[in-house]
Amino acid sequence: MKLALLWRREAARHVALSAVIMVLSFWAMARLAPHAPGWAKTADTVWATIDQPVRNYFAAHAQGLPVTAAAIYSLWQAAGLASLILGFFRLSAARLTWIVWGAATVAAVWLGSPEPGRQVAAGIALLAWAALSSLALRGLRLSRPAFVHVDVHNQAPPAPAVEVRAEIHMPKPTPSHYAPYRPPFLPPSPN
C-alpha cells in the first residue's frame, strides 16, 4: 500500500517538474527569439528541410490510392506524436513504433529531397530524430543490470570425507579341461 502511494507521488512530482521545465524553456525561447534575429527563420527552414521532402514523398507515392497525400501526412504526424508521447511514458510498443517511424521518416526525407542536398537533409532529419529519441526512449537500457549476491557471513562447508581404496580385479581363470569343441569335431578351417 505504501509503495503504491509513494509511486503515485513520485510520478506526480516527475510530471509536475517536467511541465515546469517545459513552460520555463518555452518562456525563455519566447523572450530570446526577438533578440536573436533570424532564429525563428532558421528554425522554420530546418523544419522545412525535414517536412517538405516527406510531403513530396507522400505526394509522389499516394497516386492511385483511395487516400489522399494530405491524409497520409496527417496520419504520419499523428503516429509520430503519439509514439513520442507514449514512448515517454515507457510503453514498449510505442518505443518500437517510434524507432520504425523515425527510420521511415529519414528514408522518406532521403527519397523526397532533391539530389544535391539529399545527404544533408537526411542528416538533419536523423539528428532531429535522435534528439527527440532522448525523450521517447528515456530510461531504456540495452542490457539488464546484473545482480550478484555474495554471502560473506557463512563459512565454506566442510570438506567431504573421502575414503580411498586400491582394488585389483583379475579375470577368473578358465579350467584346463575346457575344450570349445568336442574331440570328434575340429574347428572350421580358415580356407
N, C-alpha and C. Protein backbone atom coordinates (compact mmCIF):
# COMPACT_ATOMS: atom_id res chain seq x y z
N MET A 1 0.83 -1.19 0.00
CA MET A 1 0.00 0.00 0.00
C MET A 1 0.87 1.25 0.00
N LYS A 2 1.90 1.24 0.86
CA LYS A 2 2.78 2.40 0.94
C LYS A 2 3.56 2.59 -0.35
N LEU A 3 3.97 1.47 -0.96
CA LEU A 3 4.75 1.55 -2.18
C LEU A 3 3.93 2.16 -3.32
N ALA A 4 2.67 1.77 -3.44
CA ALA A 4 1.81 2.33 -4.49
C ALA A 4 1.61 3.83 -4.28
N LEU A 5 1.41 4.24 -3.05
CA LEU A 5 1.23 5.65 -2.76
C LEU A 5 2.51 6.44 -3.06
N LEU A 6 3.65 5.88 -2.67
CA LEU A 6 4.93 6.52 -2.96
C LEU A 6 5.16 6.63 -4.46
N TRP A 7 4.81 5.58 -5.20
CA TRP A 7 4.98 5.59 -6.65
C TRP A 7 4.12 6.68 -7.29
N ARG A 8 2.88 6.81 -6.84
CA ARG A 8 1.99 7.84 -7.40
C ARG A 8 2.52 9.24 -7.10
N ARG A 9 2.99 9.46 -5.90
CA ARG A 9 3.52 10.78 -5.55
C ARG A 9 4.76 11.10 -6.38
N GLU A 10 5.62 10.11 -6.56
CA GLU A 10 6.84 10.33 -7.35
C GLU A 10 6.50 10.60 -8.81
N ALA A 11 5.53 9.89 -9.34
CA ALA A 11 5.12 10.13 -10.73
C ALA A 11 4.52 11.53 -10.88
N ALA A 12 3.71 11.94 -9.92
CA ALA A 12 3.12 13.29 -9.97
C ALA A 12 4.21 14.36 -9.88
N ARG A 13 5.21 14.14 -9.03
CA ARG A 13 6.32 15.09 -8.94
C ARG A 13 7.10 15.17 -10.25
N HIS A 14 7.31 14.02 -10.84
CA HIS A 14 8.05 13.98 -12.10
C HIS A 14 7.30 14.72 -13.21
N VAL A 15 6.01 14.49 -13.32
CA VAL A 15 5.20 15.17 -14.34
C VAL A 15 5.18 16.67 -14.08
N ALA A 16 5.03 17.06 -12.82
CA ALA A 16 4.99 18.48 -12.50
C ALA A 16 6.33 19.15 -12.80
N LEU A 17 7.43 18.51 -12.45
CA LEU A 17 8.74 19.07 -12.73
C LEU A 17 8.98 19.18 -14.23
N SER A 18 8.58 18.16 -14.99
CA SER A 18 8.74 18.21 -16.44
C SER A 18 7.91 19.34 -17.04
N ALA A 19 6.70 19.53 -16.55
CA ALA A 19 5.84 20.61 -17.06
C ALA A 19 6.46 21.97 -16.74
N VAL A 20 7.00 22.14 -15.54
CA VAL A 20 7.62 23.41 -15.17
C VAL A 20 8.83 23.69 -16.07
N ILE A 21 9.64 22.68 -16.30
CA ILE A 21 10.81 22.85 -17.17
C ILE A 21 10.38 23.22 -18.58
N MET A 22 9.36 22.58 -19.10
CA MET A 22 8.89 22.89 -20.46
C MET A 22 8.33 24.31 -20.54
N VAL A 23 7.55 24.72 -19.54
CA VAL A 23 6.98 26.07 -19.55
C VAL A 23 8.10 27.11 -19.46
N LEU A 24 9.07 26.88 -18.59
CA LEU A 24 10.18 27.83 -18.47
C LEU A 24 11.02 27.89 -19.74
N SER A 25 11.22 26.76 -20.37
CA SER A 25 12.01 26.77 -21.61
C SER A 25 11.25 27.48 -22.73
N PHE A 26 9.93 27.28 -22.82
CA PHE A 26 9.15 28.00 -23.84
C PHE A 26 9.14 29.49 -23.55
N TRP A 27 9.05 29.86 -22.27
CA TRP A 27 9.08 31.27 -21.89
C TRP A 27 10.42 31.90 -22.27
N ALA A 28 11.52 31.16 -21.97
CA ALA A 28 12.85 31.68 -22.30
C ALA A 28 13.03 31.80 -23.81
N MET A 29 12.52 30.84 -24.56
CA MET A 29 12.63 30.91 -26.02
C MET A 29 11.84 32.10 -26.56
N ALA A 30 10.66 32.35 -25.99
CA ALA A 30 9.85 33.48 -26.44
C ALA A 30 10.54 34.80 -26.12
N ARG A 31 11.24 34.86 -24.99
CA ARG A 31 11.96 36.08 -24.62
C ARG A 31 13.21 36.29 -25.48
N LEU A 32 13.88 35.20 -25.83
CA LEU A 32 15.13 35.31 -26.58
C LEU A 32 14.92 35.44 -28.08
N ALA A 33 13.82 34.90 -28.60
CA ALA A 33 13.60 34.89 -30.04
C ALA A 33 13.59 36.29 -30.66
N PRO A 34 12.95 37.31 -30.07
CA PRO A 34 13.01 38.63 -30.69
C PRO A 34 14.41 39.25 -30.68
N HIS A 35 15.25 38.85 -29.74
CA HIS A 35 16.59 39.42 -29.63
C HIS A 35 17.62 38.69 -30.50
N ALA A 36 17.25 37.55 -31.01
CA ALA A 36 18.14 36.80 -31.89
C ALA A 36 17.55 36.83 -33.30
N PRO A 37 17.97 37.78 -34.11
CA PRO A 37 17.38 37.89 -35.44
C PRO A 37 17.70 36.66 -36.28
N GLY A 38 16.69 36.22 -36.97
CA GLY A 38 16.87 35.07 -37.85
C GLY A 38 16.73 33.73 -37.17
N TRP A 39 16.53 33.72 -35.84
CA TRP A 39 16.42 32.45 -35.12
C TRP A 39 15.16 31.71 -35.51
N ALA A 40 14.04 32.43 -35.55
CA ALA A 40 12.77 31.80 -35.92
C ALA A 40 12.82 31.35 -37.37
N LYS A 41 13.43 32.17 -38.23
CA LYS A 41 13.53 31.80 -39.64
C LYS A 41 14.40 30.56 -39.81
N THR A 42 15.48 30.46 -39.03
CA THR A 42 16.35 29.28 -39.10
C THR A 42 15.60 28.04 -38.66
N ALA A 43 14.83 28.14 -37.60
CA ALA A 43 14.04 27.00 -37.14
C ALA A 43 13.02 26.59 -38.20
N ASP A 44 12.40 27.58 -38.86
CA ASP A 44 11.42 27.27 -39.91
C ASP A 44 12.09 26.58 -41.11
N THR A 45 13.27 27.04 -41.49
CA THR A 45 13.94 26.42 -42.63
C THR A 45 14.43 25.01 -42.30
N VAL A 46 14.86 24.79 -41.06
CA VAL A 46 15.27 23.43 -40.66
C VAL A 46 14.05 22.51 -40.67
N TRP A 47 12.92 22.99 -40.15
CA TRP A 47 11.70 22.18 -40.17
C TRP A 47 11.27 21.91 -41.60
N ALA A 48 11.38 22.90 -42.48
CA ALA A 48 11.00 22.70 -43.89
C ALA A 48 11.94 21.71 -44.57
N THR A 49 13.20 21.66 -44.16
CA THR A 49 14.14 20.70 -44.73
C THR A 49 13.71 19.27 -44.44
N ILE A 50 13.06 19.05 -43.30
CA ILE A 50 12.57 17.72 -42.95
C ILE A 50 11.15 17.51 -43.48
N ASP A 51 10.32 18.51 -43.34
CA ASP A 51 8.89 18.38 -43.62
C ASP A 51 8.58 18.33 -45.12
N GLN A 52 9.20 19.20 -45.89
CA GLN A 52 8.86 19.28 -47.32
C GLN A 52 9.22 18.02 -48.09
N PRO A 53 10.38 17.39 -47.87
CA PRO A 53 10.64 16.12 -48.57
C PRO A 53 9.67 15.01 -48.21
N VAL A 54 9.20 15.00 -46.95
CA VAL A 54 8.22 13.99 -46.57
C VAL A 54 6.92 14.23 -47.31
N ARG A 55 6.49 15.48 -47.40
CA ARG A 55 5.28 15.81 -48.17
C ARG A 55 5.46 15.43 -49.64
N ASN A 56 6.64 15.73 -50.19
CA ASN A 56 6.90 15.36 -51.59
C ASN A 56 6.84 13.85 -51.79
N TYR A 57 7.41 13.11 -50.84
CA TYR A 57 7.40 11.65 -50.94
C TYR A 57 5.97 11.11 -50.90
N PHE A 58 5.16 11.63 -49.98
CA PHE A 58 3.77 11.18 -49.89
C PHE A 58 2.98 11.56 -51.13
N ALA A 59 3.22 12.75 -51.66
CA ALA A 59 2.51 13.19 -52.85
C ALA A 59 2.89 12.33 -54.06
N ALA A 60 4.15 11.94 -54.16
CA ALA A 60 4.59 11.14 -55.29
C ALA A 60 4.11 9.69 -55.20
N HIS A 61 3.96 9.17 -54.00
CA HIS A 61 3.63 7.75 -53.85
C HIS A 61 2.17 7.49 -53.47
N ALA A 62 1.39 8.51 -53.30
CA ALA A 62 -0.02 8.31 -52.94
C ALA A 62 -0.92 8.28 -54.17
N GLN A 63 -0.35 8.45 -55.34
CA GLN A 63 -1.16 8.42 -56.56
C GLN A 63 -1.72 7.02 -56.78
N GLY A 64 -2.99 6.96 -57.08
CA GLY A 64 -3.64 5.68 -57.31
C GLY A 64 -4.19 5.04 -56.05
N LEU A 65 -3.99 5.65 -54.91
CA LEU A 65 -4.52 5.11 -53.65
C LEU A 65 -5.86 5.79 -53.34
N PRO A 66 -6.74 5.13 -52.63
CA PRO A 66 -8.01 5.78 -52.28
C PRO A 66 -7.86 6.88 -51.23
N VAL A 67 -6.71 7.01 -50.63
CA VAL A 67 -6.47 8.03 -49.61
C VAL A 67 -5.58 9.12 -50.22
N THR A 68 -5.79 10.35 -49.77
CA THR A 68 -5.03 11.46 -50.32
C THR A 68 -3.68 11.58 -49.62
N ALA A 69 -2.78 12.33 -50.25
CA ALA A 69 -1.46 12.56 -49.67
C ALA A 69 -1.57 13.37 -48.38
N ALA A 70 -2.54 14.29 -48.31
CA ALA A 70 -2.73 15.10 -47.10
C ALA A 70 -3.18 14.21 -45.93
N ALA A 71 -4.03 13.22 -46.21
CA ALA A 71 -4.47 12.31 -45.15
C ALA A 71 -3.32 11.43 -44.67
N ILE A 72 -2.47 10.99 -45.59
CA ILE A 72 -1.30 10.19 -45.21
C ILE A 72 -0.35 11.03 -44.37
N TYR A 73 -0.17 12.29 -44.75
CA TYR A 73 0.70 13.19 -44.00
C TYR A 73 0.16 13.41 -42.58
N SER A 74 -1.15 13.60 -42.45
CA SER A 74 -1.76 13.79 -41.12
C SER A 74 -1.61 12.53 -40.28
N LEU A 75 -1.79 11.37 -40.90
CA LEU A 75 -1.61 10.10 -40.18
C LEU A 75 -0.16 9.92 -39.75
N TRP A 76 0.77 10.31 -40.61
CA TRP A 76 2.19 10.24 -40.27
C TRP A 76 2.51 11.13 -39.07
N GLN A 77 1.98 12.35 -39.06
CA GLN A 77 2.20 13.25 -37.93
C GLN A 77 1.58 12.70 -36.64
N ALA A 78 0.36 12.17 -36.74
CA ALA A 78 -0.32 11.64 -35.55
C ALA A 78 0.44 10.43 -35.00
N ALA A 79 0.91 9.56 -35.87
CA ALA A 79 1.66 8.38 -35.42
C ALA A 79 2.96 8.80 -34.73
N GLY A 80 3.64 9.80 -35.29
CA GLY A 80 4.88 10.27 -34.67
C GLY A 80 4.65 10.90 -33.32
N LEU A 81 3.64 11.75 -33.24
CA LEU A 81 3.35 12.42 -31.97
C LEU A 81 2.89 11.43 -30.91
N ALA A 82 2.02 10.50 -31.30
CA ALA A 82 1.53 9.50 -30.33
C ALA A 82 2.65 8.60 -29.84
N SER A 83 3.52 8.16 -30.75
CA SER A 83 4.61 7.28 -30.32
C SER A 83 5.64 8.05 -29.48
N LEU A 84 5.81 9.35 -29.75
CA LEU A 84 6.72 10.15 -28.92
C LEU A 84 6.17 10.30 -27.51
N ILE A 85 4.90 10.63 -27.38
CA ILE A 85 4.30 10.83 -26.05
C ILE A 85 4.20 9.51 -25.29
N LEU A 86 3.72 8.46 -25.95
CA LEU A 86 3.58 7.18 -25.26
C LEU A 86 4.94 6.55 -24.98
N GLY A 87 5.92 6.79 -25.84
CA GLY A 87 7.27 6.31 -25.57
C GLY A 87 7.88 7.00 -24.37
N PHE A 88 7.52 8.27 -24.16
CA PHE A 88 7.98 9.00 -22.98
C PHE A 88 7.49 8.32 -21.70
N PHE A 89 6.29 7.73 -21.77
CA PHE A 89 5.74 7.03 -20.61
C PHE A 89 6.12 5.55 -20.60
N ARG A 90 7.14 5.20 -21.36
CA ARG A 90 7.80 3.90 -21.33
C ARG A 90 6.95 2.73 -21.80
N LEU A 91 6.09 2.95 -22.78
CA LEU A 91 5.35 1.86 -23.38
C LEU A 91 6.22 1.23 -24.46
N SER A 92 6.44 -0.07 -24.37
CA SER A 92 7.37 -0.74 -25.28
C SER A 92 6.91 -0.68 -26.73
N ALA A 93 5.62 -0.89 -26.96
CA ALA A 93 5.11 -0.86 -28.34
C ALA A 93 5.27 0.53 -28.94
N ALA A 94 5.06 1.56 -28.15
CA ALA A 94 5.22 2.93 -28.65
C ALA A 94 6.69 3.22 -28.95
N ARG A 95 7.58 2.68 -28.15
CA ARG A 95 9.01 2.88 -28.42
C ARG A 95 9.42 2.19 -29.71
N LEU A 96 8.90 1.00 -29.93
CA LEU A 96 9.18 0.31 -31.18
C LEU A 96 8.59 1.09 -32.36
N THR A 97 7.38 1.61 -32.19
CA THR A 97 6.76 2.43 -33.23
C THR A 97 7.59 3.69 -33.48
N TRP A 98 8.12 4.29 -32.44
CA TRP A 98 8.95 5.49 -32.60
C TRP A 98 10.19 5.19 -33.42
N ILE A 99 10.82 4.07 -33.16
CA ILE A 99 12.03 3.70 -33.90
C ILE A 99 11.70 3.48 -35.37
N VAL A 100 10.63 2.74 -35.65
CA VAL A 100 10.24 2.48 -37.04
C VAL A 100 9.80 3.77 -37.72
N TRP A 101 9.06 4.62 -37.01
CA TRP A 101 8.60 5.90 -37.56
C TRP A 101 9.78 6.79 -37.92
N GLY A 102 10.77 6.86 -37.04
CA GLY A 102 11.95 7.69 -37.31
C GLY A 102 12.76 7.18 -38.49
N ALA A 103 12.93 5.87 -38.58
CA ALA A 103 13.67 5.31 -39.72
C ALA A 103 12.91 5.56 -41.01
N ALA A 104 11.59 5.41 -40.98
CA ALA A 104 10.78 5.68 -42.18
C ALA A 104 10.82 7.16 -42.54
N THR A 105 10.85 8.03 -41.56
CA THR A 105 10.93 9.47 -41.83
C THR A 105 12.26 9.83 -42.48
N VAL A 106 13.35 9.30 -41.96
CA VAL A 106 14.66 9.57 -42.55
C VAL A 106 14.72 9.03 -43.98
N ALA A 107 14.15 7.84 -44.21
CA ALA A 107 14.12 7.28 -45.57
C ALA A 107 13.27 8.14 -46.50
N ALA A 108 12.11 8.64 -46.01
CA ALA A 108 11.26 9.50 -46.83
C ALA A 108 11.95 10.82 -47.14
N VAL A 109 12.69 11.36 -46.18
CA VAL A 109 13.44 12.60 -46.43
C VAL A 109 14.52 12.34 -47.47
N TRP A 110 15.19 11.22 -47.37
CA TRP A 110 16.23 10.87 -48.34
C TRP A 110 15.63 10.76 -49.75
N LEU A 111 14.50 10.06 -49.87
CA LEU A 111 13.91 9.83 -51.18
C LEU A 111 13.16 11.05 -51.72
N GLY A 112 12.68 11.93 -50.84
CA GLY A 112 11.90 13.07 -51.27
C GLY A 112 12.69 14.34 -51.49
N SER A 113 13.98 14.31 -51.14
CA SER A 113 14.82 15.51 -51.30
C SER A 113 15.45 15.53 -52.69
N PRO A 114 15.73 16.74 -53.22
CA PRO A 114 16.45 16.80 -54.48
C PRO A 114 17.89 16.31 -54.31
N GLU A 115 18.49 15.87 -55.40
CA GLU A 115 19.80 15.20 -55.35
C GLU A 115 20.93 16.01 -54.71
N PRO A 116 21.14 17.29 -54.97
CA PRO A 116 22.34 17.91 -54.39
C PRO A 116 22.34 17.96 -52.87
N GLY A 117 21.17 18.10 -52.24
CA GLY A 117 21.15 18.23 -50.79
C GLY A 117 20.55 17.04 -50.07
N ARG A 118 20.50 15.90 -50.74
CA ARG A 118 19.85 14.71 -50.18
C ARG A 118 20.53 14.25 -48.88
N GLN A 119 21.83 14.17 -48.89
CA GLN A 119 22.55 13.68 -47.71
C GLN A 119 22.41 14.64 -46.54
N VAL A 120 22.45 15.93 -46.81
CA VAL A 120 22.33 16.92 -45.73
C VAL A 120 20.94 16.88 -45.14
N ALA A 121 19.91 16.79 -45.99
CA ALA A 121 18.53 16.74 -45.49
C ALA A 121 18.30 15.49 -44.64
N ALA A 122 18.81 14.35 -45.11
CA ALA A 122 18.67 13.11 -44.32
C ALA A 122 19.45 13.20 -43.02
N GLY A 123 20.61 13.85 -43.04
CA GLY A 123 21.39 14.03 -41.80
C GLY A 123 20.67 14.91 -40.80
N ILE A 124 20.04 16.00 -41.29
CA ILE A 124 19.27 16.87 -40.38
C ILE A 124 18.09 16.12 -39.80
N ALA A 125 17.41 15.32 -40.64
CA ALA A 125 16.29 14.52 -40.13
C ALA A 125 16.76 13.51 -39.10
N LEU A 126 17.90 12.90 -39.34
CA LEU A 126 18.45 11.93 -38.39
C LEU A 126 18.82 12.59 -37.07
N LEU A 127 19.41 13.78 -37.13
CA LEU A 127 19.76 14.49 -35.89
C LEU A 127 18.51 14.91 -35.11
N ALA A 128 17.50 15.38 -35.81
CA ALA A 128 16.25 15.76 -35.13
C ALA A 128 15.60 14.53 -34.50
N TRP A 129 15.59 13.42 -35.21
CA TRP A 129 15.01 12.19 -34.67
C TRP A 129 15.81 11.70 -33.47
N ALA A 130 17.14 11.80 -33.53
CA ALA A 130 17.97 11.38 -32.39
C ALA A 130 17.74 12.28 -31.19
N ALA A 131 17.57 13.58 -31.42
CA ALA A 131 17.31 14.49 -30.29
C ALA A 131 15.97 14.19 -29.64
N LEU A 132 14.95 13.94 -30.43
CA LEU A 132 13.65 13.61 -29.85
C LEU A 132 13.62 12.21 -29.26
N SER A 133 14.52 11.34 -29.71
CA SER A 133 14.59 9.99 -29.15
C SER A 133 15.04 10.01 -27.70
N SER A 134 15.73 11.05 -27.29
CA SER A 134 16.12 11.13 -25.88
C SER A 134 14.89 11.26 -24.99
N LEU A 135 13.80 11.77 -25.52
CA LEU A 135 12.54 11.80 -24.76
C LEU A 135 11.77 10.49 -24.91
N ALA A 136 11.64 10.02 -26.15
CA ALA A 136 10.82 8.83 -26.39
C ALA A 136 11.44 7.57 -25.83
N LEU A 137 12.76 7.52 -25.79
CA LEU A 137 13.44 6.30 -25.34
C LEU A 137 14.14 6.50 -24.00
N ARG A 138 13.66 7.44 -23.21
CA ARG A 138 14.32 7.74 -21.94
C ARG A 138 14.25 6.52 -21.02
N GLY A 139 15.34 6.29 -20.32
CA GLY A 139 15.39 5.19 -19.37
C GLY A 139 15.58 3.83 -20.00
N LEU A 140 15.72 3.77 -21.31
CA LEU A 140 15.89 2.48 -21.98
C LEU A 140 17.32 2.00 -21.78
N ARG A 141 17.45 0.77 -21.34
CA ARG A 141 18.77 0.18 -21.14
C ARG A 141 18.93 -0.95 -22.14
N LEU A 142 20.11 -1.05 -22.70
CA LEU A 142 20.36 -2.11 -23.66
C LEU A 142 20.64 -3.45 -22.99
N SER A 143 21.16 -3.42 -21.79
CA SER A 143 21.40 -4.67 -21.09
C SER A 143 20.84 -4.57 -19.68
N ARG A 144 20.38 -5.66 -19.20
CA ARG A 144 19.84 -5.71 -17.85
C ARG A 144 20.99 -5.62 -16.85
N PRO A 145 20.76 -4.94 -15.74
CA PRO A 145 21.82 -4.92 -14.73
C PRO A 145 21.98 -6.30 -14.10
N ALA A 146 23.19 -6.66 -13.82
CA ALA A 146 23.47 -7.97 -13.23
C ALA A 146 23.47 -7.83 -11.71
N PHE A 147 22.74 -8.71 -11.06
CA PHE A 147 22.70 -8.73 -9.60
C PHE A 147 23.49 -9.94 -9.14
N VAL A 148 24.58 -9.69 -8.44
CA VAL A 148 25.42 -10.75 -7.94
C VAL A 148 25.30 -10.75 -6.42
N HIS A 149 24.87 -11.87 -5.87
CA HIS A 149 24.72 -11.97 -4.42
C HIS A 149 25.86 -12.81 -3.87
N VAL A 150 26.65 -12.23 -3.02
CA VAL A 150 27.75 -12.94 -2.38
C VAL A 150 27.49 -12.93 -0.89
N ASP A 151 27.35 -14.11 -0.31
CA ASP A 151 27.10 -14.23 1.11
C ASP A 151 28.44 -14.39 1.81
N VAL A 152 28.88 -13.36 2.51
CA VAL A 152 30.19 -13.39 3.16
C VAL A 152 30.11 -13.81 4.62
N HIS A 153 28.91 -13.98 5.14
CA HIS A 153 28.77 -14.31 6.55
C HIS A 153 28.86 -15.81 6.81
N ASN A 154 28.48 -16.62 5.87
CA ASN A 154 28.56 -18.06 6.06
C ASN A 154 29.96 -18.54 5.71
N GLN A 155 30.39 -19.56 6.42
CA GLN A 155 31.68 -20.15 6.13
C GLN A 155 31.50 -21.23 5.08
N ALA A 156 32.60 -21.61 4.47
CA ALA A 156 32.55 -22.66 3.46
C ALA A 156 32.16 -23.97 4.13
N PRO A 157 31.42 -24.82 3.46
CA PRO A 157 31.03 -26.11 4.06
C PRO A 157 32.27 -26.98 4.26
N PRO A 158 32.22 -27.87 5.24
CA PRO A 158 33.40 -28.72 5.48
C PRO A 158 33.65 -29.65 4.28
N ALA A 159 34.90 -30.01 4.12
CA ALA A 159 35.26 -30.90 3.02
C ALA A 159 34.65 -32.28 3.26
N PRO A 160 34.17 -32.93 2.23
CA PRO A 160 33.56 -34.26 2.44
C PRO A 160 34.63 -35.30 2.81
N ALA A 161 34.21 -36.27 3.59
CA ALA A 161 35.14 -37.35 3.98
C ALA A 161 35.30 -38.29 2.80
N VAL A 162 36.53 -38.42 2.34
CA VAL A 162 36.81 -39.24 1.18
C VAL A 162 37.61 -40.46 1.64
N GLU A 163 37.19 -41.65 1.19
CA GLU A 163 37.89 -42.89 1.51
C GLU A 163 38.48 -43.45 0.23
N VAL A 164 39.78 -43.64 0.20
CA VAL A 164 40.45 -44.14 -0.99
C VAL A 164 40.89 -45.57 -0.72
N ARG A 165 40.49 -46.50 -1.62
CA ARG A 165 40.90 -47.91 -1.51
C ARG A 165 41.40 -48.36 -2.87
N ALA A 166 42.48 -49.07 -2.87
CA ALA A 166 43.01 -49.63 -4.11
C ALA A 166 42.53 -51.07 -4.23
N GLU A 167 41.90 -51.39 -5.34
CA GLU A 167 41.42 -52.75 -5.58
C GLU A 167 41.89 -53.18 -6.96
N ILE A 168 42.27 -54.44 -7.05
CA ILE A 168 42.69 -55.01 -8.33
C ILE A 168 41.74 -56.14 -8.64
N HIS A 169 41.17 -56.07 -9.83
CA HIS A 169 40.25 -57.11 -10.27
C HIS A 169 40.92 -57.93 -11.35
N MET A 170 41.01 -59.25 -11.09
CA MET A 170 41.62 -60.18 -12.05
C MET A 170 40.52 -61.05 -12.63
N PRO A 171 40.64 -61.37 -13.93
CA PRO A 171 39.63 -62.26 -14.52
C PRO A 171 39.74 -63.67 -13.95
N LYS A 172 38.64 -64.36 -13.95
CA LYS A 172 38.65 -65.74 -13.43
C LYS A 172 39.42 -66.64 -14.41
N PRO A 173 40.25 -67.52 -13.87
CA PRO A 173 40.98 -68.43 -14.78
C PRO A 173 40.03 -69.48 -15.35
N THR A 174 40.26 -69.84 -16.61
CA THR A 174 39.43 -70.88 -17.24
C THR A 174 40.00 -72.25 -16.88
N PRO A 175 39.15 -73.20 -16.71
CA PRO A 175 39.67 -74.54 -16.37
C PRO A 175 40.47 -75.13 -17.53
N SER A 176 41.46 -75.97 -17.21
CA SER A 176 42.33 -76.52 -18.24
C SER A 176 41.65 -77.61 -19.03
N HIS A 177 40.66 -78.27 -18.52
CA HIS A 177 40.00 -79.35 -19.24
C HIS A 177 38.92 -78.81 -20.18
N TYR A 178 38.77 -77.54 -20.25
CA TYR A 178 37.73 -76.95 -21.11
C TYR A 178 38.18 -77.02 -22.56
N ALA A 179 37.33 -77.51 -23.40
CA ALA A 179 37.60 -77.56 -24.83
C ALA A 179 36.37 -77.00 -25.52
N PRO A 180 36.55 -76.05 -26.40
CA PRO A 180 35.39 -75.45 -27.03
C PRO A 180 34.67 -76.40 -27.98
N TYR A 181 35.35 -77.42 -28.54
CA TYR A 181 34.73 -78.37 -29.47
C TYR A 181 34.92 -79.77 -28.95
N ARG A 182 34.00 -80.61 -29.26
CA ARG A 182 34.15 -82.00 -28.85
C ARG A 182 35.22 -82.67 -29.69
N PRO A 183 35.88 -83.62 -29.16
CA PRO A 183 37.02 -84.23 -29.86
C PRO A 183 36.72 -84.75 -31.27
N PRO A 184 35.58 -85.30 -31.58
CA PRO A 184 35.47 -85.77 -32.97
C PRO A 184 35.36 -84.60 -33.98
N PHE A 185 35.04 -83.45 -33.52
CA PHE A 185 34.89 -82.29 -34.45
C PHE A 185 36.09 -81.39 -34.35
N LEU A 186 36.44 -80.83 -35.44
CA LEU A 186 37.53 -79.89 -35.46
C LEU A 186 36.97 -78.49 -35.79
N PRO A 187 37.67 -77.47 -35.39
CA PRO A 187 37.17 -76.13 -35.74
C PRO A 187 37.19 -75.92 -37.23
N PRO A 188 36.34 -75.04 -37.72
CA PRO A 188 36.32 -74.83 -39.19
C PRO A 188 37.63 -74.25 -39.66
N SER A 189 37.98 -74.60 -40.84
CA SER A 189 39.23 -74.17 -41.43
C SER A 189 39.09 -72.75 -41.96
N PRO A 190 40.12 -71.94 -41.81
CA PRO A 190 40.03 -70.59 -42.32
C PRO A 190 40.06 -70.54 -43.85
N ASN A 191 40.38 -71.65 -44.53
CA ASN A 191 40.43 -71.65 -46.00
C ASN A 191 39.10 -71.76 -46.61
